[in-house]
Amino acid sequence: MIKKVFAYLLLLICFVHAENVLLDEFDSKFSILTWNEKEHIYDDLKHLYIKSIMDANDTLKYEVLKRLVEISEELSYDTSTYKKELDKLPKYQSIAAIAAQREKKDTIVSPDVLVKLLQIKVNNGSAVLVFDKKTEKQKIKFLKLKDKSLRYVYDIKGIKTSSAVVPKIEGIKDFRISQFDKETIRVVFEHEKDISIILNLKDKELKFSAKEFAASQANSAKKDDKTISATTTPKVKIPKKIIVVDAGHGGKDGGAVSDKKLEKDVVLQIALLLGAELETRGHKVFYTRSKDVYLKLQDRTKTANDKNADIFISIHANAAPKTSKNGIWQGIETFFLSPSDSVRSKNAAELENKSDIEEMNLYSKQTFLNFLNREKIIASHKLAIDIQQYILTEVRRSYKNVVDGGVREAPFWVLTGAQMPAVLLEIGYITDKIDRERMFNKKFQQILTTGIANGIESYFAKNK
């Protein structure tokens, strides 16, 4: 049931039409979720609140804030900030009502707009859809969903005729085509692994070429200007940037410790690997430290500011709180700077901030708040999303059970002085045996840094 809720969360990010669906799910299912599941939804609602700011959508903001107040009271979090923000907004017409009006309006579609699917042909891993007339690529909507397997969903304005029988595609777990609603044909590819799906439009035919991602990379350069791609690495020309990589802790500050392994050692190894990977891609890289030395808090972001960096990446390893009595503390997490009431985010921030306590007086409350303007929150949030997504894509090809800790917000002091988009990456829990062994493994480190670099380049490609 909770997976269904999160699937709707993903739908919401991809399509504005799904906003009312997510909020309906919250209203109907929230009361029966566990405490941990409510915490996850609390974090996701906060990300949705940022989305409402990005879209300048006060209606969505109003709906999300109402639910943030409700969930904060349920979790005994401070609600004052949300209530003050909510009081500033007028009472908007509900999203459900707006969606109903939009749906009513959208149902009036001229018949000549819809294509008819007459035939489906399959050959050598490809599927060809034959229509009665030519369709247009801008009318094809794409969505990627992740549950037990990966689903690549394409919606086409049209009508599936009874003669369009759906065959199987060799090498793909499941391929299906259905009449999603009276005006939409839905095409779904389902597979256990990431696949590359290329659409070629020619006259009255749409050709889907589906291959496992590793096998498809060599052919990516052959795509033409009529191609819609669902591949998982950046394919556009990436502008060269200045990047500062910060290896957390160092010197007298060992960071988290477990089984005689020190956080300061592993994060330095990964920082240097990441820098080397980024340099091979043409970017200019600076390190806050390239050896085992202690740095003052302000010197880390000063490096980024002095170099006029485009982004700042701080690398750390997490640790389960000593007071933790149960639960599995695992996974890769990416944080951006923001005050947070989430227990898990607070735990992570308190751990990393511990060594900076003596220096916190360098940053007044106003300095901290000055960083938290809308533009920097949005940019850092976008960067965190891309890095987290591409890390998971890369590492799960070799390490299937890597836990996705998600994109989270937390008040990390090391990020406060950065004048550019900045994120803090927790590469895993050093207190967990599986995570610990992986993070000190050279193969895993190389795969991890490739994923981080892919995420960084995805961010740059989308935010030129």
Protein backbone atom coordinates (compact mmCIF):
# COMPACT_ATOMS: atom_id res chain seq x y z
CA MET A 1 0.00 0.00 0.00
CA ILE A 2 2.78 2.46 0.86
CA LYS A 3 4.47 1.66 -2.46
CA LYS A 4 1.30 2.79 -4.19
CA VAL A 5 1.44 6.08 -2.30
CA PHE A 6 5.04 6.67 -3.37
CA ALA A 7 4.19 5.73 -6.95
CA TYR A 8 1.65 8.55 -6.91
CA LEU A 9 4.32 10.85 -5.49
CA LEU A 10 6.45 10.11 -8.52
CA LEU A 11 3.50 10.67 -10.82
CA LEU A 12 2.98 14.06 -9.27
CA ILE A 13 6.51 15.16 -9.97
CA CYS A 14 6.18 14.12 -13.60
CA PHE A 15 2.66 15.35 -14.41
CA VAL A 16 0.74 18.30 -12.99
CA HIS A 17 -2.51 16.35 -13.50
CA ALA A 18 -1.52 13.94 -10.75
CA GLU A 19 -1.44 16.56 -7.97
CA ASN A 20 -5.03 15.96 -6.93
CA VAL A 21 -4.41 12.18 -6.98
CA LEU A 22 -1.51 12.43 -4.54
CA LEU A 23 -3.36 14.70 -2.15
CA ASP A 24 -6.41 12.42 -2.28
CA GLU A 25 -4.12 9.51 -1.43
CA PHE A 26 -2.74 11.44 1.53
CA ASP A 27 -6.25 12.20 2.80
CA SER A 28 -7.49 8.61 2.48
CA LYS A 29 -4.43 6.60 3.53
CA PHE A 30 -2.47 8.76 5.97
CA SER A 31 -4.22 7.60 9.15
CA ILE A 32 -3.28 3.93 8.60
CA LEU A 33 0.43 4.41 7.82
CA THR A 34 3.25 3.61 10.24
CA TRP A 35 5.32 6.31 11.92
CA ASN A 36 8.27 5.79 9.53
CA GLU A 37 5.98 5.90 6.51
CA LYS A 38 4.48 9.15 7.77
CA GLU A 39 7.97 10.61 8.13
CA HIS A 40 8.72 9.72 4.51
CA ILE A 41 5.51 11.35 3.33
CA TYR A 42 6.28 14.39 5.48
CA ASP A 43 9.62 14.78 3.66
CA ASP A 44 7.99 14.27 0.28
CA LEU A 45 5.32 16.87 1.03
CA LYS A 46 8.07 19.36 1.85
CA HIS A 47 9.67 18.61 -1.53
CA LEU A 48 6.26 19.14 -3.12
CA TYR A 49 6.03 22.48 -1.29
CA ILE A 50 9.30 23.49 -2.98
CA LYS A 51 7.79 22.40 -6.29
CA SER A 52 4.84 24.72 -5.68
CA ILE A 53 7.31 27.58 -5.16
CA MET A 54 9.22 26.64 -8.31
CA ASP A 55 5.98 26.62 -10.31
CA ALA A 56 4.61 29.76 -8.61
CA ASN A 57 1.52 27.67 -7.92
CA ASP A 58 -0.20 29.22 -4.90
CA THR A 59 -3.13 26.82 -5.20
CA LEU A 60 -0.85 23.82 -4.81
CA LYS A 61 1.10 25.61 -2.07
CA TYR A 62 -2.11 26.16 -0.11
CA GLU A 63 -3.16 22.50 -0.43
CA VAL A 64 0.28 21.19 0.57
CA LEU A 65 0.63 23.56 3.53
CA LYS A 66 -2.72 22.42 4.92
CA ARG A 67 -1.48 18.85 4.92
CA LEU A 68 1.94 19.80 6.29
CA VAL A 69 0.21 21.35 9.29
CA GLU A 70 -1.83 18.18 9.76
CA ILE A 71 1.12 15.79 9.49
CA SER A 72 3.35 18.00 11.66
CA GLU A 73 0.78 17.92 14.45
CA GLU A 74 0.51 14.13 14.07
CA LEU A 75 4.30 13.75 14.38
CA SER A 76 4.57 16.36 17.16
CA TYR A 77 6.66 18.69 14.98
CA ASP A 78 6.59 22.47 15.14
CA THR A 79 3.72 23.75 12.99
CA SER A 80 4.18 27.48 13.52
CA THR A 81 6.13 28.13 10.29
CA TYR A 82 3.60 26.33 8.13
CA LYS A 83 0.65 28.02 9.83
CA LYS A 84 2.15 31.47 9.34
CA GLU A 85 2.80 30.75 5.68
CA LEU A 86 -0.69 29.36 5.27
CA ASP A 87 -2.25 32.45 6.85
CA LYS A 88 -0.59 34.61 4.20
CA LEU A 89 -2.40 32.77 1.41
CA PRO A 90 -6.01 33.31 0.40
CA LYS A 91 -8.32 30.30 0.50
CA TYR A 92 -8.00 28.80 -2.95
CA GLN A 93 -10.38 26.59 -4.85
CA SER A 94 -9.34 23.00 -4.19
CA ILE A 95 -7.07 21.25 -6.64
CA ALA A 96 -9.66 18.50 -6.99
CA ALA A 97 -12.25 21.03 -8.19
CA ILE A 98 -9.78 22.60 -10.60
CA ALA A 99 -8.85 19.17 -11.94
CA ALA A 100 -12.53 18.30 -12.41
CA GLN A 101 -13.05 21.48 -14.43
CA ARG A 102 -9.93 20.76 -16.47
CA GLU A 103 -11.05 17.17 -17.08
CA LYS A 104 -14.47 18.38 -18.22
CA LYS A 105 -12.84 20.83 -20.60
CA ASP A 106 -10.36 18.23 -21.86
CA THR A 107 -13.12 15.76 -22.71
CA ILE A 108 -14.17 17.97 -25.58
CA VAL A 109 -11.71 16.68 -28.17
CA SER A 110 -12.23 16.90 -31.86
CA PRO A 111 -12.36 13.36 -33.37
CA ASP A 112 -9.89 14.32 -36.09
CA VAL A 113 -7.22 14.93 -33.43
CA LEU A 114 -7.18 11.27 -32.40
CA VAL A 115 -5.24 8.66 -34.33
CA LYS A 116 -6.41 5.06 -34.62
CA LEU A 117 -4.00 2.25 -33.79
CA LEU A 118 -4.56 -0.32 -36.53
CA GLN A 119 -1.69 -2.80 -36.11
CA ILE A 120 1.24 -3.73 -33.84
CA LYS A 121 4.29 -5.45 -35.31
CA VAL A 122 7.19 -6.87 -33.28
CA ASN A 123 10.63 -7.83 -34.59
CA ASN A 124 14.10 -8.17 -32.99
CA GLY A 125 13.24 -6.34 -29.77
CA SER A 126 11.36 -3.57 -31.55
CA ALA A 127 7.64 -2.78 -31.70
CA VAL A 128 6.07 -0.83 -34.55
CA LEU A 129 2.68 0.83 -34.04
CA VAL A 130 0.80 1.46 -37.27
CA PHE A 131 -1.81 4.26 -37.19
CA ASP A 132 -4.34 5.51 -39.68
CA LYS A 133 -2.51 8.85 -39.84
CA LYS A 134 0.65 10.49 -38.61
CA THR A 135 0.97 11.46 -34.95
CA GLU A 136 3.25 14.11 -33.44
CA LYS A 137 6.01 13.57 -30.89
CA GLN A 138 4.90 16.51 -28.74
CA LYS A 139 1.63 14.67 -28.14
CA ILE A 140 3.42 11.68 -26.65
CA LYS A 141 3.86 11.89 -22.87
CA PHE A 142 6.49 9.78 -21.10
CA LEU A 143 6.63 8.58 -17.50
CA LYS A 144 9.09 6.24 -15.77
CA LEU A 145 7.86 4.38 -12.67
CA LYS A 146 9.81 2.23 -10.28
CA ASP A 147 8.37 -0.45 -8.03
CA LYS A 148 9.49 -4.08 -7.99
CA SER A 149 10.47 -3.53 -11.61
CA LEU A 150 10.84 -0.55 -13.93
CA ARG A 151 7.93 0.64 -16.05
CA TYR A 152 8.34 2.93 -19.04
CA VAL A 153 4.97 4.45 -19.88
CA TYR A 154 4.01 6.31 -23.06
CA ASP A 155 0.61 8.00 -23.49
CA ILE A 156 -0.58 8.76 -27.02
CA LYS A 157 -3.76 10.61 -27.96
CA GLY A 158 -5.61 7.96 -29.91
CA ILE A 159 -7.90 4.95 -30.07
CA LYS A 160 -6.80 1.31 -30.09
CA THR A 161 -8.82 -0.78 -32.53
CA SER A 162 -9.70 -4.42 -31.92
CA SER A 163 -7.39 -5.49 -34.75
CA ALA A 164 -4.31 -4.14 -32.89
CA VAL A 165 -3.29 -7.34 -31.11
CA VAL A 166 -0.36 -6.93 -28.68
CA PRO A 167 2.42 -9.53 -29.12
CA LYS A 168 5.34 -10.19 -26.77
CA ILE A 169 8.77 -8.58 -27.21
CA GLU A 170 11.69 -10.95 -26.79
CA GLY A 171 14.06 -9.87 -24.02
CA ILE A 172 11.53 -7.55 -22.31
CA LYS A 173 9.69 -8.75 -19.20
CA ASP A 174 6.33 -7.32 -20.26
CA PHE A 175 5.00 -5.21 -23.12
CA ARG A 176 1.38 -4.10 -23.15
CA ILE A 177 -0.84 -1.60 -24.91
CA SER A 178 -4.28 -0.60 -23.68
CA GLN A 179 -6.95 2.05 -24.01
CA PHE A 180 -6.15 4.02 -20.86
CA ASP A 181 -9.15 6.30 -21.26
CA LYS A 182 -11.44 7.10 -24.16
CA GLU A 183 -8.82 9.39 -25.74
CA THR A 184 -5.50 7.85 -24.65
CA ILE A 185 -3.56 4.80 -25.77
CA ARG A 186 -1.09 3.69 -23.08
CA VAL A 187 2.06 1.80 -24.08
CA VAL A 188 3.99 0.15 -21.23
CA PHE A 189 7.40 -1.56 -21.22
CA GLU A 190 8.24 -3.38 -17.97
CA HIS A 191 11.65 -4.82 -17.13
CA GLU A 192 13.81 -5.69 -14.11
CA LYS A 193 16.78 -3.63 -15.33
CA ASP A 194 17.18 -0.19 -16.83
CA ILE A 195 16.48 -0.23 -20.54
CA SER A 196 16.93 2.27 -23.32
CA ILE A 197 13.80 2.94 -25.35
CA ILE A 198 14.09 4.91 -28.57
CA LEU A 199 11.07 6.16 -30.51
CA ASN A 200 11.40 6.85 -34.21
CA LEU A 201 8.52 8.63 -35.96
CA LYS A 202 8.06 7.94 -39.66
CA ASP A 203 4.87 8.67 -41.56
CA LYS A 204 2.07 6.68 -39.89
CA GLU A 205 4.40 4.44 -37.85
CA LEU A 206 5.94 4.75 -34.40
CA LYS A 207 8.85 2.40 -33.81
CA PHE A 208 9.87 1.54 -30.24
CA SER A 209 13.36 0.04 -29.96
CA ALA A 210 13.91 -1.38 -26.46
CA LYS A 211 17.24 -2.73 -25.24
CA GLU A 212 18.95 -3.21 -21.90
CA PHE A 213 20.88 -0.06 -21.12
CA ALA A 214 24.41 -1.48 -21.22
CA ALA A 215 23.88 -2.89 -24.70
CA SER A 216 22.31 0.31 -26.00
CA GLN A 217 24.99 2.85 -25.11
CA ALA A 218 27.11 2.14 -28.18
CA ASN A 219 24.19 3.03 -30.43
CA SER A 220 23.12 6.24 -28.66
CA ALA A 221 24.93 8.46 -31.16
CA LYS A 222 22.72 7.21 -33.99
CA LYS A 223 19.58 8.97 -32.73
CA ASP A 224 18.04 11.56 -35.06
CA ASP A 225 16.10 14.74 -34.32
CA LYS A 226 12.79 12.83 -34.18
CA THR A 227 13.89 10.63 -31.30
CA ILE A 228 12.38 10.51 -27.83
CA SER A 229 14.74 8.75 -25.42
CA ALA A 230 14.31 7.23 -21.96
CA THR A 231 17.99 6.47 -21.35
CA THR A 232 19.48 7.11 -17.95
CA THR A 233 22.63 9.16 -18.58
CA PRO A 234 23.00 12.69 -19.97
CA LYS A 235 23.18 12.75 -23.79
CA VAL A 236 23.51 16.47 -24.50
CA LYS A 237 26.66 18.54 -24.65
CA ILE A 238 27.60 19.54 -21.11
CA PRO A 239 29.13 22.97 -20.47
CA LYS A 240 32.42 22.82 -18.57
CA LYS A 241 32.11 24.02 -14.99
CA ILE A 242 34.07 24.73 -11.82
CA ILE A 243 33.34 22.20 -9.08
CA VAL A 244 34.62 22.13 -5.50
CA VAL A 245 34.68 18.70 -3.86
CA ASP A 246 34.80 18.63 -0.08
CA ALA A 247 35.95 15.51 1.78
CA GLY A 248 34.32 15.77 5.19
CA HIS A 249 36.24 15.85 8.49
CA GLY A 250 40.02 15.18 8.42
CA GLY A 251 43.04 15.38 10.70
CA LYS A 252 42.05 15.40 14.38
CA ASP A 253 38.41 15.08 13.34
CA GLY A 254 37.93 11.46 12.31
CA GLY A 255 34.18 11.70 11.79
CA ALA A 256 32.09 8.59 12.37
CA VAL A 257 33.93 5.43 13.42
CA SER A 258 32.93 1.77 13.18
CA ASP A 259 34.97 -1.45 13.27
CA LYS A 260 38.14 0.68 13.38
CA LYS A 261 37.17 2.31 10.08
CA LEU A 262 37.17 6.13 9.95
CA GLU A 263 34.79 8.29 7.96
CA LYS A 264 37.54 10.82 7.19
CA ASP A 265 39.55 8.17 5.29
CA VAL A 266 36.84 6.79 3.03
CA VAL A 267 35.35 10.17 2.10
CA LEU A 268 38.79 11.42 1.06
CA GLN A 269 39.26 8.37 -1.18
CA ILE A 270 35.90 9.00 -2.85
CA ALA A 271 36.43 12.76 -3.14
CA LEU A 272 39.70 12.23 -5.02
CA LEU A 273 38.12 9.63 -7.31
CA LEU A 274 35.20 11.94 -8.02
CA GLY A 275 37.51 14.83 -8.82
CA ALA A 276 39.53 12.67 -11.22
CA GLU A 277 36.33 11.51 -12.95
CA LEU A 278 35.05 15.07 -13.35
CA GLU A 279 38.40 16.24 -14.69
CA THR A 280 38.36 13.54 -17.38
CA ARG A 281 35.05 15.06 -18.50
CA GLY A 282 36.66 18.47 -18.88
CA HIS A 283 35.52 20.18 -15.67
CA LYS A 284 37.81 22.20 -13.41
CA VAL A 285 37.99 20.62 -9.95
CA PHE A 286 39.28 22.02 -6.65
CA TYR A 287 39.45 20.12 -3.35
CA THR A 288 38.97 21.54 0.11
CA ARG A 289 41.50 18.92 1.21
CA SER A 290 43.50 16.37 -0.76
CA LYS A 291 45.16 14.73 2.25
CA ASP A 292 44.46 13.96 5.91
CA VAL A 293 44.38 17.48 7.37
CA TYR A 294 41.97 19.28 9.66
CA LEU A 295 40.01 22.19 8.20
CA LYS A 296 38.04 24.86 9.94
CA LEU A 297 34.41 25.02 8.95
CA GLN A 298 34.60 28.38 7.20
CA ASP A 299 37.61 27.27 5.09
CA ARG A 300 35.59 24.62 3.28
CA THR A 301 33.04 26.91 1.65
CA LYS A 302 35.61 29.70 1.39
CA THR A 303 37.45 27.53 -1.13
CA ALA A 304 34.28 27.24 -3.21
CA ASN A 305 33.52 30.96 -2.98
CA ASP A 306 37.11 32.02 -3.76
CA LYS A 307 37.19 29.76 -6.83
CA ASN A 308 33.80 31.08 -7.97
CA ALA A 309 32.59 27.49 -8.16
CA ASP A 310 29.40 26.51 -9.93
CA ILE A 311 28.55 23.84 -7.34
CA PHE A 312 29.85 22.59 -3.98
CA ILE A 313 29.73 18.87 -3.11
CA SER A 314 30.49 17.73 0.45
CA ILE A 315 31.02 13.99 0.91
CA HIS A 316 30.34 12.18 4.18
CA ALA A 317 29.47 8.77 5.63
CA ASN A 318 26.49 8.44 7.93
CA ALA A 319 26.13 6.57 11.23
CA ALA A 320 23.16 5.22 13.15
CA PRO A 321 22.43 7.18 16.34
CA LYS A 322 23.72 5.51 19.51
CA THR A 323 20.23 5.69 20.98
CA SER A 324 18.77 3.69 18.11
CA LYS A 325 17.09 0.56 19.49
CA ASN A 326 15.69 -0.94 16.32
CA GLY A 327 15.39 -0.51 12.59
CA ILE A 328 17.92 -0.86 9.83
CA TRP A 329 20.03 2.22 9.21
CA GLN A 330 21.33 1.82 5.67
CA GLY A 331 21.43 3.62 2.40
CA ILE A 332 22.72 6.47 0.29
CA GLU A 333 21.21 9.89 0.95
CA THR A 334 21.66 13.32 -0.61
CA PHE A 335 20.91 16.42 1.44
CA PHE A 336 20.39 20.07 0.59
CA LEU A 337 20.45 22.88 3.13
CA SER A 338 17.20 23.70 4.86
CA PRO A 339 15.78 23.65 8.38
CA SER A 340 14.05 20.32 8.92
CA ASP A 341 11.88 18.70 11.57
CA SER A 342 12.47 15.19 10.23
CA VAL A 343 14.00 12.98 12.92
CA ARG A 344 16.24 11.16 10.44
CA SER A 345 17.47 14.42 8.91
CA LYS A 346 18.13 15.89 12.34
CA ASN A 347 20.14 12.82 13.34
CA ALA A 348 22.31 13.10 10.24
CA ALA A 349 22.84 16.83 10.70
CA GLU A 350 23.67 16.56 14.40
CA LEU A 351 26.28 13.90 13.65
CA GLU A 352 28.01 15.92 10.93
CA ASN A 353 27.67 19.22 12.82
CA LYS A 354 29.26 17.86 16.00
CA SER A 355 32.80 18.80 15.02
CA ASP A 356 31.67 22.29 14.03
CA ILE A 357 30.04 23.28 17.34
CA GLU A 358 32.91 25.57 18.36
CA GLU A 359 32.74 27.42 15.06
CA MET A 360 28.99 27.87 14.79
CA ASN A 361 29.18 31.32 16.34
CA LEU A 362 30.85 32.38 13.08
CA TYR A 363 27.44 32.07 11.45
CA SER A 364 24.69 34.15 12.94
CA LYS A 365 21.11 33.05 12.58
CA GLN A 366 20.67 35.74 9.96
CA THR A 367 23.58 34.40 7.90
CA PHE A 368 21.95 30.98 7.93
CA LEU A 369 18.60 32.42 6.90
CA ASN A 370 20.16 34.51 4.15
CA PHE A 371 21.29 31.34 2.44
CA LEU A 372 17.78 29.94 2.51
CA ASN A 373 16.39 32.08 -0.26
CA ARG A 374 14.14 30.53 -2.83
CA GLU A 375 16.67 30.41 -5.67
CA LYS A 376 19.36 28.60 -3.69
CA ILE A 377 16.92 26.13 -2.16
CA ILE A 378 15.51 25.29 -5.58
CA ALA A 379 18.91 24.95 -7.27
CA SER A 380 20.36 22.81 -4.47
CA HIS A 381 17.21 20.68 -4.42
CA LYS A 382 17.47 20.07 -8.17
CA LEU A 383 21.14 19.15 -7.86
CA ALA A 384 20.41 16.74 -5.00
CA ILE A 385 17.65 15.01 -6.99
CA ASP A 386 19.88 14.46 -10.02
CA ILE A 387 22.83 13.18 -7.98
CA GLN A 388 20.68 10.76 -5.98
CA GLN A 389 18.92 9.44 -9.08
CA TYR A 390 22.07 8.81 -11.09
CA ILE A 391 23.96 7.25 -8.17
CA LEU A 392 21.21 4.68 -7.73
CA THR A 393 21.02 4.01 -11.47
CA GLU A 394 24.75 3.34 -11.60
CA VAL A 395 25.37 1.35 -8.42
CA ARG A 396 22.29 -0.87 -8.70
CA ARG A 397 23.62 -2.42 -11.87
CA SER A 398 26.24 -4.18 -9.75
CA TYR A 399 24.77 -3.90 -6.23
CA LYS A 400 21.06 -4.67 -6.53
CA ASN A 401 20.06 -4.16 -2.90
CA VAL A 402 21.56 -0.70 -2.30
CA VAL A 403 19.06 1.20 -0.16
CA ASP A 404 17.69 4.51 -1.46
CA GLY A 405 17.75 6.87 1.52
CA GLY A 406 16.20 9.58 -0.64
CA VAL A 407 16.72 13.29 -1.14
CA ARG A 408 16.37 15.12 2.16
CA GLU A 409 16.75 18.55 3.64
CA ALA A 410 18.69 19.24 6.82
CA PRO A 411 20.58 22.10 8.53
CA PHE A 412 24.17 21.09 7.75
CA TRP A 413 26.48 23.88 8.85
CA VAL A 414 29.16 22.99 6.30
CA LEU A 415 26.80 24.15 3.53
CA THR A 416 25.78 27.48 5.04
CA GLY A 417 28.60 29.61 3.66
CA ALA A 418 28.38 28.38 0.06
CA GLN A 419 27.25 31.03 -2.40
CA MET A 420 26.34 28.45 -5.04
CA PRO A 421 24.13 25.32 -5.19
CA ALA A 422 25.48 22.95 -2.55
CA VAL A 423 24.67 19.43 -1.42
CA LEU A 424 25.95 16.99 1.16
CA LEU A 425 26.17 13.35 0.13
CA GLU A 426 26.02 10.55 2.70
CA ILE A 427 27.53 7.56 0.87
CA GLY A 428 26.10 5.00 3.31
CA TYR A 429 26.10 4.08 6.98
CA ILE A 430 29.54 3.23 8.29
CA THR A 431 27.82 1.56 11.27
CA ASP A 432 26.16 -0.97 8.94
CA LYS A 433 28.38 -3.91 7.95
CA ILE A 434 27.12 -4.11 4.36
CA ASP A 435 27.32 -0.36 3.72
CA ARG A 436 30.73 -0.17 5.42
CA GLU A 437 32.28 -2.96 3.36
CA ARG A 438 30.95 -1.43 0.16
CA MET A 439 32.15 2.11 0.79
CA PHE A 440 35.71 0.90 1.41
CA ASN A 441 35.63 -1.31 -1.70
CA LYS A 442 37.52 0.19 -4.68
CA LYS A 443 35.08 -1.16 -7.27
CA PHE A 444 32.09 0.31 -5.43
CA GLN A 445 33.89 3.64 -5.01
CA GLN A 446 34.53 3.87 -8.75
CA ILE A 447 30.93 3.02 -9.63
CA LEU A 448 29.65 5.47 -7.02
CA THR A 449 31.76 8.35 -8.35
CA THR A 450 30.64 7.64 -11.90
CA GLY A 451 27.04 7.95 -10.71
CA ILE A 452 27.76 11.22 -8.88
CA ALA A 453 29.45 12.65 -11.97
CA ASN A 454 26.51 11.60 -14.15
CA GLY A 455 24.12 13.32 -11.76
CA ILE A 456 26.20 16.50 -11.74
CA GLU A 457 26.27 16.59 -15.54
CA SER A 458 22.53 15.94 -15.71
CA TYR A 459 22.01 18.96 -13.47
CA PHE A 460 24.26 21.13 -15.63
CA ALA A 461 22.56 19.94 -18.83
CA LYS A 462 19.12 20.90 -17.52
CA ASN A 463 20.22 24.20 -15.92
CA LYS A 464 22.46 25.88 -18.47
